[in-house]
C-alpha atoms as a PDB file:
ATOM      1  CA  MET A   1      10.992   6.471  18.157  1.00  0.00           C
ATOM      2  CA  THR A   2       8.743   9.240  16.865  1.00  0.00           C
ATOM      3  CA  ALA A   3       5.252   9.826  18.236  1.00  0.00           C
ATOM      4  CA  SER A   4       3.816   8.623  14.936  1.00  0.00           C
ATOM      5  CA  PRO A   5       6.204   5.918  13.728  1.00  0.00           C
ATOM      6  CA  THR A   6       5.921   4.567  10.199  1.00  0.00           C
ATOM      7  CA  ILE A   7       5.321   0.825  10.516  1.00  0.00           C
ATOM      8  CA  LEU A   8       5.062  -1.800   7.776  1.00  0.00           C
ATOM      9  CA  ILE A   9       3.195  -5.005   8.634  1.00  0.00           C
ATOM     10  CA  THR A  10       3.314  -7.884   6.175  1.00  0.00           C
ATOM     11  CA  GLY A  11       0.389 -10.297   6.172  1.00  0.00           C
ATOM     12  CA  ALA A  12      -1.902  -7.610   7.578  1.00  0.00           C
ATOM     13  CA  THR A  13      -5.273  -8.792   6.262  1.00  0.00           C
ATOM     14  CA  ASP A  14      -5.921 -11.643   8.699  1.00  0.00           C
ATOM     15  CA  GLY A  15      -5.152 -13.032  12.127  1.00  0.00           C
ATOM     16  CA  LEU A  16      -2.265 -11.571  14.089  1.00  0.00           C
ATOM     17  CA  GLY A  17      -1.253  -9.057  11.424  1.00  0.00           C
ATOM     18  CA  ARG A  18      -4.701  -7.568  11.143  1.00  0.00           C
ATOM     19  CA  ALA A  19      -5.206  -7.326  14.904  1.00  0.00           C
ATOM     20  CA  LEU A  20      -1.753  -5.803  15.331  1.00  0.00           C
ATOM     21  CA  ALA A  21      -2.557  -3.196  12.674  1.00  0.00           C
ATOM     22  CA  HIS A  22      -5.697  -2.168  14.561  1.00  0.00           C
ATOM     23  CA  LEU A  23      -3.788  -1.776  17.827  1.00  0.00           C
ATOM     24  CA  LEU A  24      -0.928   0.205  16.297  1.00  0.00           C
ATOM     25  CA  ALA A  25      -3.382   2.482  14.469  1.00  0.00           C
ATOM     26  CA  ASP A  26      -5.150   3.125  17.769  1.00  0.00           C
ATOM     27  CA  ARG A  27      -1.783   4.152  19.180  1.00  0.00           C
ATOM     28  CA  GLY A  28      -1.176   6.670  16.415  1.00  0.00           C
ATOM     29  CA  ALA A  29       1.208   4.825  14.110  1.00  0.00           C
ATOM     30  CA  SER A  30       1.401   5.674  10.422  1.00  0.00           C
ATOM     31  CA  LEU A  31       0.754   2.254   8.913  1.00  0.00           C
ATOM     32  CA  ILE A  32       1.682   0.612   5.660  1.00  0.00           C
ATOM     33  CA  LEU A  33      -0.155  -2.680   5.255  1.00  0.00           C
ATOM     34  CA  HIS A  34       0.819  -5.581   3.023  1.00  0.00           C
ATOM     35  CA  GLY A  35      -1.420  -8.339   1.729  1.00  0.00           C
ATOM     36  CA  ARG A  36      -1.640 -10.574  -1.321  1.00  0.00           C
ATOM     37  CA  ASP A  37      -5.363 -10.015  -1.977  1.00  0.00           C
ATOM     38  CA  ALA A  38      -6.101  -6.458  -3.074  1.00  0.00           C
ATOM     39  CA  GLY A  39      -9.760  -6.629  -2.045  1.00  0.00           C
ATOM     40  CA  ARG A  40      -9.084  -7.832   1.490  1.00  0.00           C
ATOM     41  CA  LEU A  41      -6.197  -5.395   1.795  1.00  0.00           C
ATOM     42  CA  GLY A  42      -8.395  -2.439   0.874  1.00  0.00           C
ATOM     43  CA  GLN A  43     -11.141  -3.602   3.210  1.00  0.00           C
ATOM     44  CA  THR A  44      -8.681  -3.884   6.101  1.00  0.00           C
ATOM     45  CA  ALA A  45      -7.331  -0.388   5.459  1.00  0.00           C
ATOM     46  CA  ASP A  46     -10.866   1.031   5.302  1.00  0.00           C
ATOM     47  CA  GLU A  47     -11.861  -0.665   8.570  1.00  0.00           C
ATOM     48  CA  ILE A  48      -8.808   0.684  10.367  1.00  0.00           C
ATOM     49  CA  ALA A  49      -9.399   4.218   9.099  1.00  0.00           C
ATOM     50  CA  VAL A  50     -13.009   4.161  10.328  1.00  0.00           C
ATOM     51  CA  ARG A  51     -12.186   2.636  13.708  1.00  0.00           C
ATOM     52  CA  ALA A  52      -9.122   4.768  14.457  1.00  0.00           C
ATOM     53  CA  GLY A  53     -10.652   7.921  13.014  1.00  0.00           C
ATOM     54  CA  ALA A  54      -7.333   8.612  11.342  1.00  0.00           C
ATOM     55  CA  ALA A  55      -5.783   8.662   7.903  1.00  0.00           C
ATOM     56  CA  ARG A  56      -6.336   5.503   5.885  1.00  0.00           C
ATOM     57  CA  PRO A  57      -3.265   3.237   6.067  1.00  0.00           C
ATOM     58  CA  ARG A  58      -1.240   3.016   2.904  1.00  0.00           C
ATOM     59  CA  THR A  59      -1.172  -0.393   1.246  1.00  0.00           C
ATOM     60  CA  VAL A  60       1.123  -2.554  -0.868  1.00  0.00           C
ATOM     61  CA  CYS A  61      -0.077  -5.724  -2.572  1.00  0.00           C
ATOM     62  CA  ALA A  62       2.271  -8.597  -3.408  1.00  0.00           C
ATOM     63  CA  ASP A  63       2.362 -12.392  -3.454  1.00  0.00           C
ATOM     64  CA  LEU A  64       5.412 -13.351  -1.404  1.00  0.00           C
ATOM     65  CA  ALA A  65       5.639 -16.657  -3.254  1.00  0.00           C
ATOM     66  CA  GLU A  66       7.302 -14.733  -6.106  1.00  0.00           C
ATOM     67  CA  LEU A  67      10.515 -12.827  -5.435  1.00  0.00           C
ATOM     68  CA  ALA A  68       9.905 -10.502  -8.377  1.00  0.00           C
ATOM     69  CA  GLN A  69       6.788  -9.256  -6.608  1.00  0.00           C
ATOM     70  CA  VAL A  70       8.792  -8.730  -3.403  1.00  0.00           C
ATOM     71  CA  ARG A  71      11.239  -6.551  -5.349  1.00  0.00           C
ATOM     72  CA  LEU A  72       8.407  -4.560  -6.894  1.00  0.00           C
ATOM     73  CA  MET A  73       6.906  -4.082  -3.433  1.00  0.00           C
ATOM     74  CA  SER A  74      10.234  -2.734  -2.189  1.00  0.00           C
ATOM     75  CA  ASP A  75      10.279  -0.252  -5.062  1.00  0.00           C
ATOM     76  CA  GLU A  76       6.733   0.820  -4.241  1.00  0.00           C
ATOM     77  CA  LEU A  77       7.597   1.278  -0.590  1.00  0.00           C
ATOM     78  CA  ARG A  78      10.527   3.513  -1.465  1.00  0.00           C
ATOM     79  CA  GLU A  79       8.098   5.684  -3.399  1.00  0.00           C
ATOM     80  CA  LEU A  80       5.600   5.746  -0.516  1.00  0.00           C
ATOM     81  CA  THR A  81       7.971   6.765   2.255  1.00  0.00           C
ATOM     82  CA  GLY A  82      11.454   8.046   2.889  1.00  0.00           C
ATOM     83  CA  ARG A  83      11.762   6.296   6.247  1.00  0.00           C
ATOM     84  CA  LEU A  84      10.574   3.187   8.029  1.00  0.00           C
ATOM     85  CA  ASP A  85      10.632   2.987  11.807  1.00  0.00           C
ATOM     86  CA  VAL A  86       9.474  -0.626  12.149  1.00  0.00           C
ATOM     87  CA  LEU A  87       9.182  -3.625   9.840  1.00  0.00           C
ATOM     88  CA  VAL A  88       7.014  -6.426  11.228  1.00  0.00           C
ATOM     89  CA  SER A  89       7.701  -9.471   9.058  1.00  0.00           C
ATOM     90  CA  ASN A  90       4.548 -11.419   9.826  1.00  0.00           C
ATOM     91  CA  ALA A  91       3.262 -12.919   6.560  1.00  0.00           C
ATOM     92  CA  GLY A  92       3.494 -16.668   6.250  1.00  0.00           C
ATOM     93  CA  ILE A  93       1.838 -20.012   5.746  1.00  0.00           C
ATOM     94  CA  GLY A  94       1.448 -22.749   8.327  1.00  0.00           C
ATOM     95  CA  SER A  95       2.367 -26.408   8.407  1.00  0.00           C
ATOM     96  CA  GLY A  96      -0.825 -27.686   6.786  1.00  0.00           C
ATOM     97  CA  GLN A  97      -4.265 -26.442   5.840  1.00  0.00           C
ATOM     98  CA  PRO A  98      -5.421 -24.171   4.295  1.00  0.00           C
ATOM     99  CA  ASP A  99      -2.185 -24.227   2.287  1.00  0.00           C
ATOM    100  CA  GLY A 100      -1.854 -28.006   1.989  1.00  0.00           C
ATOM    101  CA  ARG A 101       0.475 -30.522   3.592  1.00  0.00           C
ATOM    102  CA  GLU A 102       2.221 -31.707   0.450  1.00  0.00           C
ATOM    103  CA  ARG A 103       5.459 -30.296  -0.930  1.00  0.00           C
ATOM    104  CA  ARG A 104       4.924 -27.388  -3.302  1.00  0.00           C
ATOM    105  CA  THR A 105       7.231 -24.870  -4.894  1.00  0.00           C
ATOM    106  CA  SER A 106       7.190 -21.112  -5.312  1.00  0.00           C
ATOM    107  CA  ALA A 107       7.219 -19.190  -8.586  1.00  0.00           C
ATOM    108  CA  ASP A 108      11.023 -19.281  -8.350  1.00  0.00           C
ATOM    109  CA  GLY A 109      11.129 -23.056  -7.868  1.00  0.00           C
ATOM    110  CA  TYR A 110      11.917 -23.005  -4.146  1.00  0.00           C
ATOM    111  CA  GLU A 111      10.133 -25.033  -1.470  1.00  0.00           C
ATOM    112  CA  LEU A 112       7.047 -22.943  -0.803  1.00  0.00           C
ATOM    113  CA  ARG A 113       7.172 -22.545   2.979  1.00  0.00           C
ATOM    114  CA  PHE A 114      10.861 -21.661   2.917  1.00  0.00           C
ATOM    115  CA  ALA A 115      10.156 -19.151   0.129  1.00  0.00           C
ATOM    116  CA  VAL A 116       7.138 -17.432   1.687  1.00  0.00           C
ATOM    117  CA  ASN A 117       7.957 -17.629   5.391  1.00  0.00           C
ATOM    118  CA  TYR A 118      11.656 -16.899   5.117  1.00  0.00           C
ATOM    119  CA  LEU A 119      13.177 -15.861   1.789  1.00  0.00           C
ATOM    120  CA  ALA A 120      10.579 -13.184   1.013  1.00  0.00           C
ATOM    121  CA  GLY A 121      11.095 -11.503   4.384  1.00  0.00           C
ATOM    122  CA  PHE A 122      14.869 -11.863   4.109  1.00  0.00           C
ATOM    123  CA  LEU A 123      14.884 -10.079   0.748  1.00  0.00           C
ATOM    124  CA  LEU A 124      12.388  -7.444   1.846  1.00  0.00           C
ATOM    125  CA  THR A 125      14.413  -6.611   4.947  1.00  0.00           C
ATOM    126  CA  LEU A 126      17.631  -6.180   2.974  1.00  0.00           C
ATOM    127  CA  ASP A 127      15.872  -4.046   0.358  1.00  0.00           C
ATOM    128  CA  LEU A 128      14.356  -1.804   3.037  1.00  0.00           C
ATOM    129  CA  LEU A 129      17.481  -1.361   5.173  1.00  0.00           C
ATOM    130  CA  PRO A 130      18.135   2.138   3.762  1.00  0.00           C
ATOM    131  CA  LEU A 131      14.619   3.212   4.829  1.00  0.00           C
ATOM    132  CA  LEU A 132      15.134   1.668   8.256  1.00  0.00           C
ATOM    133  CA  ARG A 133      18.523   3.325   8.684  1.00  0.00           C
ATOM    134  CA  ALA A 134      16.959   6.648   7.691  1.00  0.00           C
ATOM    135  CA  ALA A 135      14.685   6.307  10.735  1.00  0.00           C
ATOM    136  CA  ALA A 136      17.406   5.157  13.134  1.00  0.00           C
ATOM    137  CA  PRO A 137      16.969   3.768  15.671  1.00  0.00           C
ATOM    138  CA  ALA A 138      14.567   1.478  13.802  1.00  0.00           C
ATOM    139  CA  ARG A 139      13.354  -2.068  14.457  1.00  0.00           C
ATOM    140  CA  VAL A 140      12.791  -5.312  12.583  1.00  0.00           C
ATOM    141  CA  VAL A 141      10.469  -7.857  14.187  1.00  0.00           C
ATOM    142  CA  ASN A 142      10.331 -11.377  12.749  1.00  0.00           C
ATOM    143  CA  VAL A 143       7.203 -13.301  13.701  1.00  0.00           C
ATOM    144  CA  ALA A 144       8.665 -16.777  14.072  1.00  0.00           C
ATOM    145  CA  SER A 145       7.657 -19.772  16.210  1.00  0.00           C
ATOM    146  CA  LEU A 146       8.737 -22.213  18.881  1.00  0.00           C
ATOM    147  CA  GLY A 147       8.114 -24.835  16.196  1.00  0.00           C
ATOM    148  CA  GLN A 148      11.633 -25.043  14.725  1.00  0.00           C
ATOM    149  CA  HIS A 149      13.494 -27.683  12.718  1.00  0.00           C
ATOM    150  CA  PRO A 150      17.254 -27.697  11.969  1.00  0.00           C
ATOM    151  CA  LEU A 151      18.269 -26.846   8.427  1.00  0.00           C
ATOM    152  CA  ASP A 152      19.863 -29.554   6.290  1.00  0.00           C
ATOM    153  CA  PHE A 153      22.151 -27.595   3.994  1.00  0.00           C
ATOM    154  CA  ASP A 154      22.524 -30.626   1.748  1.00  0.00           C
ATOM    155  CA  ASP A 155      18.761 -30.602   1.126  1.00  0.00           C
ATOM    156  CA  LEU A 156      17.620 -27.083   1.933  1.00  0.00           C
ATOM    157  CA  MET A 157      14.507 -27.415  -0.225  1.00  0.00           C
ATOM    158  CA  ILE A 158      13.514 -30.698   1.466  1.00  0.00           C
ATOM    159  CA  THR A 159      13.278 -32.866  -1.623  1.00  0.00           C
ATOM    160  CA  HIS A 160      13.495 -35.936   0.621  1.00  0.00           C
ATOM    161  CA  GLY A 161      11.523 -36.670   3.784  1.00  0.00           C
ATOM    162  CA  TYR A 162       9.170 -33.759   3.313  1.00  0.00           C
ATOM    163  CA  THR A 163       6.449 -32.913   5.788  1.00  0.00           C
ATOM    164  CA  GLY A 164       4.648 -29.628   6.211  1.00  0.00           C
ATOM    165  CA  THR A 165       5.683 -29.550   9.852  1.00  0.00           C
ATOM    166  CA  ARG A 166       9.361 -29.955   9.008  1.00  0.00           C
ATOM    167  CA  ALA A 167       9.170 -27.328   6.273  1.00  0.00           C
ATOM    168  CA  TYR A 168       7.390 -24.857   8.524  1.00  0.00           C
ATOM    169  CA  GLY A 169       9.867 -25.451  11.360  1.00  0.00           C
ATOM    170  CA  GLN A 170      12.834 -24.992   9.035  1.00  0.00           C
ATOM    171  CA  SER A 171      11.437 -21.731   7.669  1.00  0.00           C
ATOM    172  CA  LYS A 172      10.876 -20.353  11.162  1.00  0.00           C
ATOM    173  CA  LEU A 173      14.343 -21.317  12.378  1.00  0.00           C
ATOM    174  CA  ALA A 174      15.780 -19.695   9.257  1.00  0.00           C
ATOM    175  CA  GLN A 175      13.975 -16.465  10.210  1.00  0.00           C
ATOM    176  CA  ILE A 176      15.528 -16.551  13.656  1.00  0.00           C
ATOM    177  CA  MET A 177      19.012 -17.453  12.398  1.00  0.00           C
ATOM    178  CA  SER A 178      19.084 -14.715   9.782  1.00  0.00           C
ATOM    179  CA  GLY A 179      17.744 -12.277  12.367  1.00  0.00           C
ATOM    180  CA  PHE A 180      20.653 -13.111  14.666  1.00  0.00           C
ATOM    181  CA  GLU A 181      23.064 -12.765  11.760  1.00  0.00           C
ATOM    182  CA  LEU A 182      21.665  -9.435  10.596  1.00  0.00           C
ATOM    183  CA  ALA A 183      21.780  -8.129  14.153  1.00  0.00           C
ATOM    184  CA  SER A 184      25.498  -8.973  14.251  1.00  0.00           C
ATOM    185  CA  ARG A 185      26.079  -7.043  11.011  1.00  0.00           C
ATOM    186  CA  VAL A 186      24.021  -3.876  11.652  1.00  0.00           C
ATOM    187  CA  PRO A 187      24.675  -1.650  14.692  1.00  0.00           C
ATOM    188  CA  ALA A 188      21.803  -1.595  17.181  1.00  0.00           C
ATOM    189  CA  ARG A 189      21.909   2.195  17.146  1.00  0.00           C
ATOM    190  CA  GLN A 190      20.744   1.958  13.525  1.00  0.00           C
ATOM    191  CA  VAL A 191      18.421  -1.057  13.441  1.00  0.00           C
ATOM    192  CA  THR A 192      17.560  -3.712  16.007  1.00  0.00           C
ATOM    193  CA  VAL A 193      16.485  -7.173  14.840  1.00  0.00           C
ATOM    194  CA  ASN A 194      14.532  -9.552  17.050  1.00  0.00           C
ATOM    195  CA  SER A 195      12.315 -12.605  16.540  1.00  0.00           C
ATOM    196  CA  LEU A 196       9.501 -14.044  18.600  1.00  0.00           C
ATOM    197  CA  HIS A 197       6.984 -16.789  19.114  1.00  0.00           C
ATOM    198  CA  PRO A 198       3.969 -14.493  19.575  1.00  0.00           C
ATOM    199  CA  ALA A 199       1.614 -17.021  21.183  1.00  0.00           C
ATOM    200  CA  THR A 200       0.663 -20.695  20.994  1.00  0.00           C
ATOM    201  CA  PHE A 201      -2.135 -21.855  18.659  1.00  0.00           C
ATOM    202  CA  MET A 202      -3.927 -18.526  18.366  1.00  0.00           C
ATOM    203  CA  PRO A 203      -7.372 -18.837  16.741  1.00  0.00           C
ATOM    204  CA  THR A 204      -6.129 -17.793  13.299  1.00  0.00           C
ATOM    205  CA  LYS A 205      -7.280 -19.361  10.048  1.00  0.00           C
ATOM    206  CA  MET A 206      -4.221 -21.580   9.730  1.00  0.00           C
ATOM    207  CA  VAL A 207      -4.631 -22.872  13.294  1.00  0.00           C
ATOM    208  CA  THR A 208      -8.377 -23.465  13.219  1.00  0.00           C
ATOM    209  CA  GLU A 209      -8.260 -25.276   9.864  1.00  0.00           C
ATOM    210  CA  GLU A 210      -5.231 -27.441  10.673  1.00  0.00           C
ATOM    211  CA  ILE A 211      -5.259 -27.867  14.469  1.00  0.00           C
ATOM    212  CA  GLY A 212      -8.936 -27.370  15.241  1.00  0.00           C
ATOM    213  CA  TYR A 213      -8.484 -25.704  18.634  1.00  0.00           C
ATOM    214  CA  SER A 214      -6.668 -22.755  20.173  1.00  0.00           C
ATOM    215  CA  ILE A 215      -4.688 -22.176  23.362  1.00  0.00           C
ATOM    216  CA  ASP A 216      -3.647 -18.529  23.497  1.00  0.00           C
ATOM    217  CA  SER A 217      -5.651 -15.584  22.186  1.00  0.00           C
ATOM    218  CA  ILE A 218      -4.790 -13.286  19.312  1.00  0.00           C
ATOM    219  CA  SER A 219      -4.634 -10.509  21.907  1.00  0.00           C
ATOM    220  CA  ASP A 220      -1.780 -12.411  23.590  1.00  0.00           C
ATOM    221  CA  GLY A 221       0.127 -12.468  20.312  1.00  0.00           C
ATOM    222  CA  VAL A 222      -0.580  -8.805  19.608  1.00  0.00           C
ATOM    223  CA  ALA A 223       0.691  -7.794  23.045  1.00  0.00           C
ATOM    224  CA  ALA A 224       3.957  -9.679  22.593  1.00  0.00           C
ATOM    225  CA  THR A 225       4.534  -8.474  19.041  1.00  0.00           C
ATOM    226  CA  SER A 226       3.678  -4.825  19.720  1.00  0.00           C
ATOM    227  CA  ARG A 227       6.075  -4.884  22.664  1.00  0.00           C
ATOM    228  CA  LEU A 228       8.943  -5.728  20.313  1.00  0.00           C
ATOM    229  CA  ALA A 229       7.719  -3.267  17.698  1.00  0.00           C
ATOM    230  CA  ILE A 230       7.210  -0.164  19.826  1.00  0.00           C
ATOM    231  CA  GLY A 231       7.812  -1.009  23.488  1.00  0.00           C
ATOM    232  CA  PRO A 232      10.288   1.402  25.103  1.00  0.00           C
ATOM    233  CA  ALA A 233      11.849  -1.403  27.146  1.00  0.00           C
ATOM    234  CA  LEU A 234      13.135  -2.998  23.924  1.00  0.00           C
ATOM    235  CA  ALA A 235      15.002   0.080  22.698  1.00  0.00           C
ATOM    236  CA  GLY A 236      18.529  -0.983  21.763  1.00  0.00           C
ATOM    237  CA  VAL A 237      17.839  -4.688  22.342  1.00  0.00           C
ATOM    238  CA  THR A 238      18.906  -6.773  19.340  1.00  0.00           C
ATOM    239  CA  GLY A 239      19.703 -10.310  18.232  1.00  0.00           C
ATOM    240  CA  ARG A 240      17.254 -11.988  20.607  1.00  0.00           C
ATOM    241  CA  PHE A 241      14.474 -14.573  20.428  1.00  0.00           C
ATOM    242  CA  PHE A 242      11.407 -14.249  22.637  1.00  0.00           C
ATOM    243  CA  ASP A 243       8.665 -16.636  23.673  1.00  0.00           C
ATOM    244  CA  GLN A 244       5.906 -14.052  23.933  1.00  0.00           C
ATOM    245  CA  SER A 245       7.423 -11.458  26.292  1.00  0.00           C
ATOM    246  CA  ARG A 246      10.108 -13.730  27.759  1.00  0.00           C
ATOM    247  CA  GLU A 247      13.559 -14.036  26.235  1.00  0.00           C
ATOM    248  CA  ALA A 248      14.037 -17.673  25.227  1.00  0.00           C
ATOM    249  CA  ARG A 249      16.488 -20.065  23.584  1.00  0.00           C
ATOM    250  CA  ALA A 250      15.930 -20.998  19.972  1.00  0.00           C
ATOM    251  CA  ASN A 251      17.041 -24.277  18.424  1.00  0.00           C
ATOM    252  CA  ALA A 252      20.757 -24.871  19.015  1.00  0.00           C
ATOM    253  CA  GLN A 253      21.560 -24.364  15.317  1.00  0.00           C
ATOM    254  CA  ALA A 254      20.684 -20.677  15.703  1.00  0.00           C
ATOM    255  CA  TYR A 255      23.765 -20.242  17.918  1.00  0.00           C
ATOM    256  CA  ASP A 256      26.123 -21.952  15.464  1.00  0.00           C
ATOM    257  CA  ALA A 257      28.028 -19.094  13.824  1.00  0.00           C
ATOM    258  CA  ALA A 258      29.116 -21.247  10.892  1.00  0.00           C
ATOM    259  CA  ALA A 259      25.542 -22.368  10.217  1.00  0.00           C
ATOM    260  CA  ARG A 260      24.276 -18.787  10.364  1.00  0.00           C
ATOM    261  CA  ALA A 261      26.986 -17.644   7.949  1.00  0.00           C
ATOM    262  CA  GLU A 262      26.159 -20.499   5.577  1.00  0.00           C
ATOM    263  CA  LEU A 263      22.460 -19.657   5.651  1.00  0.00           C
ATOM    264  CA  TRP A 264      23.269 -15.996   5.003  1.00  0.00           C
ATOM    265  CA  ARG A 265      25.455 -16.852   2.010  1.00  0.00           C
ATOM    266  CA  ARG A 266      22.957 -19.321   0.581  1.00  0.00           C
ATOM    267  CA  SER A 267      20.081 -16.908   1.087  1.00  0.00           C
ATOM    268  CA  LEU A 268      21.850 -14.094  -0.747  1.00  0.00           C
ATOM    269  CA  ASP A 269      22.413 -16.472  -3.662  1.00  0.00           C
ATOM    270  CA  LEU A 270      18.787 -17.661  -3.670  1.00  0.00           C
ATOM    271  CA  VAL A 271      17.357 -14.133  -3.766  1.00  0.00           C
ATOM    272  CA  ALA A 272      20.138 -12.746  -5.993  1.00  0.00           C
ATOM    273  CA  HIS A 273      21.020  -9.931  -3.589  1.00  0.00           C
ATOM    274  CA  PRO A 274      24.513  -8.432  -3.185  1.00  0.00           C
ATOM    275  CA  GLY A 275      24.240  -8.180   0.602  1.00  0.00           C
ATOM    276  CA  LEU A 276      24.988  -5.290   2.906  1.00  0.00           C
ATOM    277  CA  GLY A 277      28.010  -4.102   0.959  1.00  0.00           C
END
């Protein structure tokens, strides 16, 4: 990896993403920050530039609840850079407040947590693979969770028996499963793909408003995520799931090759993408 890697962080205006951006800027990375609120995104970029005493991070604004905006963001990113060393797919919504506990749908009519937490990152990763390959060896880091729920392929959008916790857990397991599948399809010498549970109940907005207390610190999550993003010990390591810095087992469905292939096929259909070719 170059001394000044180009790193895209989605969901960079709050919580883990914002703290990770500060750390990576301090370490000399060339950052591209994503957020859905242009004002907060600009403020975050300005703060990082002042603190790091470096060039202001580039920014891309998009609402991941609409796949058309994800595609436009991919186009914008291709104009901003010819290479991408690391994609940290961090943006997401939790199991309850401040995003609500009831079932809602995205602009494309998909269950909202599945759309934002999983499908948007799935599409973005596929769209940006040429930029990642141009920087080989590059890395994809999916910020997932230990909170996982098996996917019901007969009711992938959870029209029956919906809870925010189930929807969140399904979206996070989908991240891990597609990460395993992508890792099996792309050589590690080109791009590695790993997922992690960064920390437990960090004091982020979604945790404080829904849970009301924290266990681990945001610094714990930043340390684990930055290790996967730029840590030399992870060079060449792919297709793994980590609980912070420890390799861990995901839900059993993640190791079911048929289930992973089905999710891959269904996901390509849902985002209208041709695949890896």
